[in-house]
């Protein structure tokens, strides 16, 4: 499988996920949210991270969501949801990330 990992490139967890995935025969690709972009065209949306076509991946693991403005965080979530719609499996889903980032929503669900 081709697996992308969103996280901090210098983190131990990205290194470990990529090492273990590669040892099991997967093609592992570290990804940075700063390079995450969508290109909307008539009838098609393309997603890229640097020069990597994210639609070519089988799975994208989202290990962290870096801080940013509300607009930037919402855009990242929306692009992850769009990637799911295109058939790329996203683990941790945008909805799960939203709940984890929004402490009020988490508390409300636990009530």
N, C-alpha and C. Protein backbone atom coordinates (compact mmCIF):
# COMPACT_ATOMS: atom_id res chain seq x y z
N UNK A 1 0.83 -1.18 0.00
CA UNK A 1 0.00 0.00 0.00
C UNK A 1 0.88 1.25 0.00
N UNK A 2 0.33 2.31 -0.54
CA UNK A 2 0.97 3.63 -0.49
C UNK A 2 0.31 4.41 0.65
N UNK A 3 1.10 4.77 1.65
CA UNK A 3 0.56 5.39 2.86
C UNK A 3 1.25 6.73 3.10
N UNK A 4 0.42 7.78 3.24
CA UNK A 4 0.93 9.10 3.60
C UNK A 4 0.74 9.33 5.09
N UNK A 5 1.67 10.06 5.70
CA UNK A 5 1.60 10.34 7.14
C UNK A 5 1.74 11.85 7.35
N UNK A 6 0.64 12.50 7.76
CA UNK A 6 0.71 13.90 8.15
C UNK A 6 1.20 13.98 9.59
N UNK A 7 2.27 14.71 9.80
CA UNK A 7 2.81 14.89 11.14
C UNK A 7 4.05 15.75 11.06
N UNK A 8 4.68 15.96 12.18
CA UNK A 8 5.93 16.72 12.22
C UNK A 8 7.06 15.83 11.70
N UNK A 9 7.75 16.27 10.65
CA UNK A 9 8.77 15.44 10.02
C UNK A 9 9.88 15.02 10.96
N UNK A 10 10.21 15.85 11.91
CA UNK A 10 11.31 15.52 12.81
C UNK A 10 10.84 14.77 14.06
N UNK A 11 9.60 14.32 14.07
CA UNK A 11 9.06 13.64 15.25
C UNK A 11 9.40 12.15 15.23
N UNK A 12 9.48 11.58 16.42
CA UNK A 12 9.76 10.15 16.54
C UNK A 12 8.62 9.32 15.97
N UNK A 13 7.36 9.79 16.11
CA UNK A 13 6.23 8.97 15.67
C UNK A 13 6.15 8.86 14.15
N UNK A 14 6.48 9.93 13.42
CA UNK A 14 6.50 9.82 11.95
C UNK A 14 7.61 8.88 11.53
N UNK A 15 8.77 9.01 12.15
CA UNK A 15 9.89 8.11 11.84
C UNK A 15 9.52 6.65 12.09
N UNK A 16 8.90 6.38 13.23
CA UNK A 16 8.52 5.01 13.58
C UNK A 16 7.44 4.47 12.65
N UNK A 17 6.41 5.27 12.36
CA UNK A 17 5.35 4.82 11.45
C UNK A 17 5.94 4.49 10.08
N UNK A 18 6.82 5.35 9.59
CA UNK A 18 7.43 5.11 8.28
C UNK A 18 8.36 3.90 8.30
N UNK A 19 9.11 3.74 9.37
CA UNK A 19 10.02 2.59 9.48
C UNK A 19 9.25 1.27 9.51
N UNK A 20 8.23 1.21 10.36
CA UNK A 20 7.45 -0.02 10.51
C UNK A 20 6.66 -0.31 9.23
N UNK A 21 6.06 0.73 8.65
CA UNK A 21 5.31 0.53 7.41
C UNK A 21 6.20 0.02 6.29
N UNK A 22 7.39 0.61 6.14
CA UNK A 22 8.32 0.17 5.10
C UNK A 22 8.79 -1.27 5.36
N UNK A 23 9.00 -1.62 6.62
CA UNK A 23 9.42 -2.98 6.96
C UNK A 23 8.36 -4.01 6.59
N UNK A 24 7.11 -3.56 6.54
CA UNK A 24 6.01 -4.46 6.16
C UNK A 24 5.68 -4.38 4.67
N UNK A 25 6.52 -3.69 3.92
CA UNK A 25 6.37 -3.66 2.47
C UNK A 25 5.55 -2.51 1.91
N UNK A 26 5.18 -1.56 2.75
CA UNK A 26 4.39 -0.42 2.29
C UNK A 26 5.32 0.71 1.84
N UNK A 27 4.82 1.53 0.93
CA UNK A 27 5.53 2.74 0.52
C UNK A 27 5.03 3.86 1.42
N UNK A 28 5.92 4.38 2.24
CA UNK A 28 5.54 5.39 3.24
C UNK A 28 5.98 6.77 2.77
N UNK A 29 5.09 7.75 2.96
CA UNK A 29 5.38 9.11 2.51
C UNK A 29 5.06 10.11 3.62
N UNK A 30 6.07 10.70 4.27
CA UNK A 30 5.79 11.76 5.25
C UNK A 30 5.19 12.97 4.53
N UNK A 31 4.20 13.61 5.16
CA UNK A 31 3.51 14.75 4.56
C UNK A 31 3.48 15.91 5.55
N UNK A 32 3.52 17.14 5.01
CA UNK A 32 3.43 18.35 5.83
C UNK A 32 2.16 19.11 5.50
N UNK A 33 1.42 19.53 6.52
CA UNK A 33 0.21 20.30 6.28
C UNK A 33 0.50 21.62 5.58
N UNK A 34 1.68 22.21 5.79
CA UNK A 34 2.02 23.47 5.14
C UNK A 34 2.06 23.34 3.62
N UNK A 35 2.21 22.11 3.11
CA UNK A 35 2.27 21.88 1.67
C UNK A 35 0.98 21.29 1.11
N UNK A 36 -0.02 21.10 1.96
CA UNK A 36 -1.30 20.48 1.58
C UNK A 36 -2.11 21.50 0.78
N UNK A 37 -2.53 21.12 -0.43
CA UNK A 37 -3.27 22.03 -1.30
C UNK A 37 -4.29 21.27 -2.13
N UNK A 38 -5.33 21.98 -2.52
CA UNK A 38 -6.35 21.41 -3.40
C UNK A 38 -6.45 22.29 -4.64
N UNK A 39 -6.69 21.66 -5.77
CA UNK A 39 -6.91 22.38 -7.02
C UNK A 39 -8.27 21.96 -7.55
N UNK A 40 -9.20 22.91 -7.58
CA UNK A 40 -10.58 22.63 -7.99
C UNK A 40 -10.74 22.99 -9.46
N UNK A 41 -11.19 22.00 -10.23
CA UNK A 41 -11.46 22.19 -11.65
C UNK A 41 -12.87 21.68 -11.92
N UNK A 42 -13.41 22.00 -13.06
CA UNK A 42 -14.73 21.51 -13.40
C UNK A 42 -14.74 19.99 -13.39
N UNK A 43 -15.56 19.42 -12.51
CA UNK A 43 -15.72 17.97 -12.46
C UNK A 43 -14.62 17.21 -11.74
N UNK A 44 -13.65 17.91 -11.16
CA UNK A 44 -12.54 17.19 -10.52
C UNK A 44 -11.85 18.08 -9.48
N UNK A 45 -11.43 17.46 -8.40
CA UNK A 45 -10.61 18.14 -7.40
C UNK A 45 -9.34 17.31 -7.23
N UNK A 46 -8.20 17.95 -7.35
CA UNK A 46 -6.92 17.29 -7.13
C UNK A 46 -6.35 17.75 -5.80
N UNK A 47 -5.71 16.83 -5.09
CA UNK A 47 -5.10 17.12 -3.80
C UNK A 47 -3.62 16.78 -3.89
N UNK A 48 -2.79 17.70 -3.41
CA UNK A 48 -1.35 17.49 -3.46
C UNK A 48 -0.72 17.92 -2.14
N UNK A 49 0.44 17.36 -1.90
CA UNK A 49 1.27 17.78 -0.78
C UNK A 49 2.67 17.87 -1.37
N UNK A 50 3.10 19.08 -1.66
CA UNK A 50 4.34 19.24 -2.42
C UNK A 50 4.12 18.66 -3.81
N UNK A 51 4.98 17.75 -4.23
CA UNK A 51 4.82 17.14 -5.56
C UNK A 51 4.12 15.78 -5.50
N UNK A 52 3.52 15.45 -4.37
CA UNK A 52 2.85 14.15 -4.20
C UNK A 52 1.36 14.29 -4.49
N UNK A 53 0.86 13.49 -5.42
CA UNK A 53 -0.57 13.43 -5.72
C UNK A 53 -1.22 12.58 -4.64
N UNK A 54 -1.97 13.22 -3.75
CA UNK A 54 -2.56 12.48 -2.62
C UNK A 54 -3.63 11.50 -3.05
N UNK A 55 -4.25 11.72 -4.21
CA UNK A 55 -5.25 10.76 -4.69
C UNK A 55 -4.62 9.43 -5.09
N UNK A 56 -3.30 9.42 -5.27
CA UNK A 56 -2.61 8.17 -5.63
C UNK A 56 -2.31 7.31 -4.40
N UNK A 57 -2.55 7.86 -3.20
CA UNK A 57 -2.30 7.10 -1.98
C UNK A 57 -3.50 6.22 -1.63
N UNK A 58 -3.24 5.12 -0.97
CA UNK A 58 -4.31 4.25 -0.49
C UNK A 58 -4.87 4.74 0.84
N UNK A 59 -3.98 5.23 1.69
CA UNK A 59 -4.35 5.66 3.04
C UNK A 59 -3.55 6.90 3.40
N UNK A 60 -4.20 7.80 4.13
CA UNK A 60 -3.50 8.94 4.74
C UNK A 60 -3.74 8.87 6.24
N UNK A 61 -2.65 8.79 7.00
CA UNK A 61 -2.73 8.82 8.46
C UNK A 61 -2.53 10.26 8.91
N UNK A 62 -3.45 10.77 9.71
CA UNK A 62 -3.33 12.12 10.24
C UNK A 62 -2.93 11.99 11.70
N UNK A 63 -1.68 12.29 11.98
CA UNK A 63 -1.14 12.09 13.32
C UNK A 63 -1.21 13.34 14.16
N UNK A 64 -1.24 14.50 13.50
CA UNK A 64 -1.32 15.76 14.23
C UNK A 64 -1.96 16.82 13.35
N UNK A 65 -2.55 17.81 13.98
CA UNK A 65 -3.09 18.97 13.26
C UNK A 65 -2.36 20.18 13.83
N UNK A 66 -1.48 20.80 13.04
CA UNK A 66 -0.73 21.94 13.58
C UNK A 66 -1.64 23.13 13.85
N UNK A 67 -1.23 24.01 14.76
CA UNK A 67 -2.04 25.18 15.04
C UNK A 67 -2.11 26.10 13.83
N UNK A 68 -3.14 26.90 13.81
CA UNK A 68 -3.31 27.87 12.73
C UNK A 68 -4.56 28.67 12.96
N UNK A 69 -4.84 29.58 12.07
CA UNK A 69 -6.06 30.37 12.17
C UNK A 69 -7.26 29.44 11.99
N UNK A 70 -8.42 29.91 12.41
CA UNK A 70 -9.64 29.12 12.24
C UNK A 70 -9.84 28.77 10.77
N UNK A 71 -9.63 29.75 9.89
CA UNK A 71 -9.79 29.51 8.45
C UNK A 71 -8.85 28.42 7.95
N UNK A 72 -7.61 28.45 8.40
CA UNK A 72 -6.63 27.46 7.96
C UNK A 72 -6.99 26.06 8.45
N UNK A 73 -7.38 25.95 9.72
CA UNK A 73 -7.74 24.64 10.28
C UNK A 73 -8.98 24.09 9.59
N UNK A 74 -9.99 24.94 9.39
CA UNK A 74 -11.22 24.50 8.70
C UNK A 74 -10.90 24.07 7.28
N UNK A 75 -10.05 24.81 6.58
CA UNK A 75 -9.66 24.43 5.21
C UNK A 75 -8.98 23.07 5.19
N UNK A 76 -8.09 22.83 6.14
CA UNK A 76 -7.41 21.52 6.20
C UNK A 76 -8.43 20.40 6.41
N UNK A 77 -9.36 20.62 7.33
CA UNK A 77 -10.40 19.62 7.61
C UNK A 77 -11.24 19.36 6.36
N UNK A 78 -11.63 20.43 5.68
CA UNK A 78 -12.44 20.29 4.47
C UNK A 78 -11.68 19.56 3.37
N UNK A 79 -10.38 19.84 3.23
CA UNK A 79 -9.59 19.14 2.21
C UNK A 79 -9.44 17.67 2.56
N UNK A 80 -9.26 17.35 3.85
CA UNK A 80 -9.20 15.93 4.25
C UNK A 80 -10.52 15.23 3.95
N UNK A 81 -11.64 15.91 4.21
CA UNK A 81 -12.96 15.33 3.90
C UNK A 81 -13.10 15.12 2.39
N UNK A 82 -12.63 16.07 1.60
CA UNK A 82 -12.67 15.93 0.15
C UNK A 82 -11.83 14.77 -0.33
N UNK A 83 -10.70 14.57 0.30
CA UNK A 83 -9.83 13.45 -0.04
C UNK A 83 -10.54 12.13 0.23
N UNK A 84 -11.27 12.06 1.34
CA UNK A 84 -12.08 10.87 1.65
C UNK A 84 -13.13 10.62 0.57
N UNK A 85 -13.79 11.68 0.14
CA UNK A 85 -14.82 11.56 -0.90
C UNK A 85 -14.23 11.00 -2.18
N UNK A 86 -12.97 11.31 -2.45
CA UNK A 86 -12.29 10.81 -3.65
C UNK A 86 -11.84 9.36 -3.51
N UNK A 87 -12.08 8.76 -2.35
CA UNK A 87 -11.77 7.34 -2.18
C UNK A 87 -10.49 7.03 -1.43
N UNK A 88 -9.81 8.05 -0.93
CA UNK A 88 -8.61 7.81 -0.12
C UNK A 88 -9.05 7.65 1.33
N UNK A 89 -8.66 6.57 1.95
CA UNK A 89 -9.02 6.35 3.35
C UNK A 89 -8.20 7.28 4.23
N UNK A 90 -8.88 8.02 5.10
CA UNK A 90 -8.22 8.96 6.01
C UNK A 90 -8.41 8.46 7.44
N UNK A 91 -7.29 8.20 8.11
CA UNK A 91 -7.31 7.76 9.50
C UNK A 91 -6.53 8.81 10.28
N UNK A 92 -6.97 9.42 11.11
CA UNK A 92 -8.09 9.85 11.89
C UNK A 92 -8.95 10.77 11.02
N UNK A 93 -10.21 10.47 10.97
CA UNK A 93 -11.11 11.19 10.06
C UNK A 93 -11.22 12.66 10.45
N UNK A 94 -11.61 13.51 9.49
CA UNK A 94 -11.79 14.93 9.81
C UNK A 94 -12.77 15.15 10.96
N UNK A 95 -13.83 14.36 11.03
CA UNK A 95 -14.81 14.52 12.12
C UNK A 95 -14.19 14.17 13.47
N UNK A 96 -13.38 13.11 13.51
CA UNK A 96 -12.70 12.75 14.75
C UNK A 96 -11.71 13.83 15.16
N UNK A 97 -10.99 14.40 14.20
CA UNK A 97 -10.06 15.48 14.49
C UNK A 97 -10.79 16.71 15.02
N UNK A 98 -11.93 17.02 14.42
CA UNK A 98 -12.71 18.17 14.87
C UNK A 98 -13.08 18.02 16.34
N UNK A 99 -13.52 16.83 16.70
CA UNK A 99 -13.90 16.57 18.08
C UNK A 99 -12.69 16.67 19.01
N UNK A 100 -11.55 16.18 18.57
CA UNK A 100 -10.35 16.22 19.39
C UNK A 100 -9.82 17.65 19.57
N UNK A 101 -9.94 18.47 18.53
CA UNK A 101 -9.45 19.84 18.57
C UNK A 101 -10.39 20.75 19.36
N UNK A 102 -11.69 20.51 19.22
CA UNK A 102 -12.71 21.35 19.85
C UNK A 102 -13.04 20.77 21.23
N UNK A 103 -12.45 21.34 22.26
CA UNK A 103 -12.62 20.80 23.61
C UNK A 103 -14.07 20.88 24.08
N UNK A 104 -14.81 21.92 23.65
CA UNK A 104 -16.22 21.99 24.02
C UNK A 104 -16.99 20.82 23.42
N UNK A 105 -16.77 20.54 22.14
CA UNK A 105 -17.47 19.44 21.48
C UNK A 105 -17.16 18.11 22.17
N UNK A 106 -15.90 17.91 22.54
CA UNK A 106 -15.52 16.70 23.26
C UNK A 106 -16.27 16.59 24.58
N UNK A 107 -16.30 17.69 25.34
CA UNK A 107 -16.99 17.71 26.63
C UNK A 107 -18.48 17.46 26.46
N UNK A 108 -19.07 18.08 25.45
CA UNK A 108 -20.50 17.91 25.18
C UNK A 108 -20.83 16.45 24.88
N UNK A 109 -19.99 15.79 24.10
CA UNK A 109 -20.24 14.39 23.76
C UNK A 109 -20.09 13.47 24.97
N UNK A 110 -19.24 13.86 25.90
CA UNK A 110 -19.04 13.05 27.10
C UNK A 110 -20.14 13.25 28.14
N UNK A 111 -20.90 14.35 28.02
CA UNK A 111 -21.95 14.67 29.01
C UNK A 111 -23.12 13.70 28.92
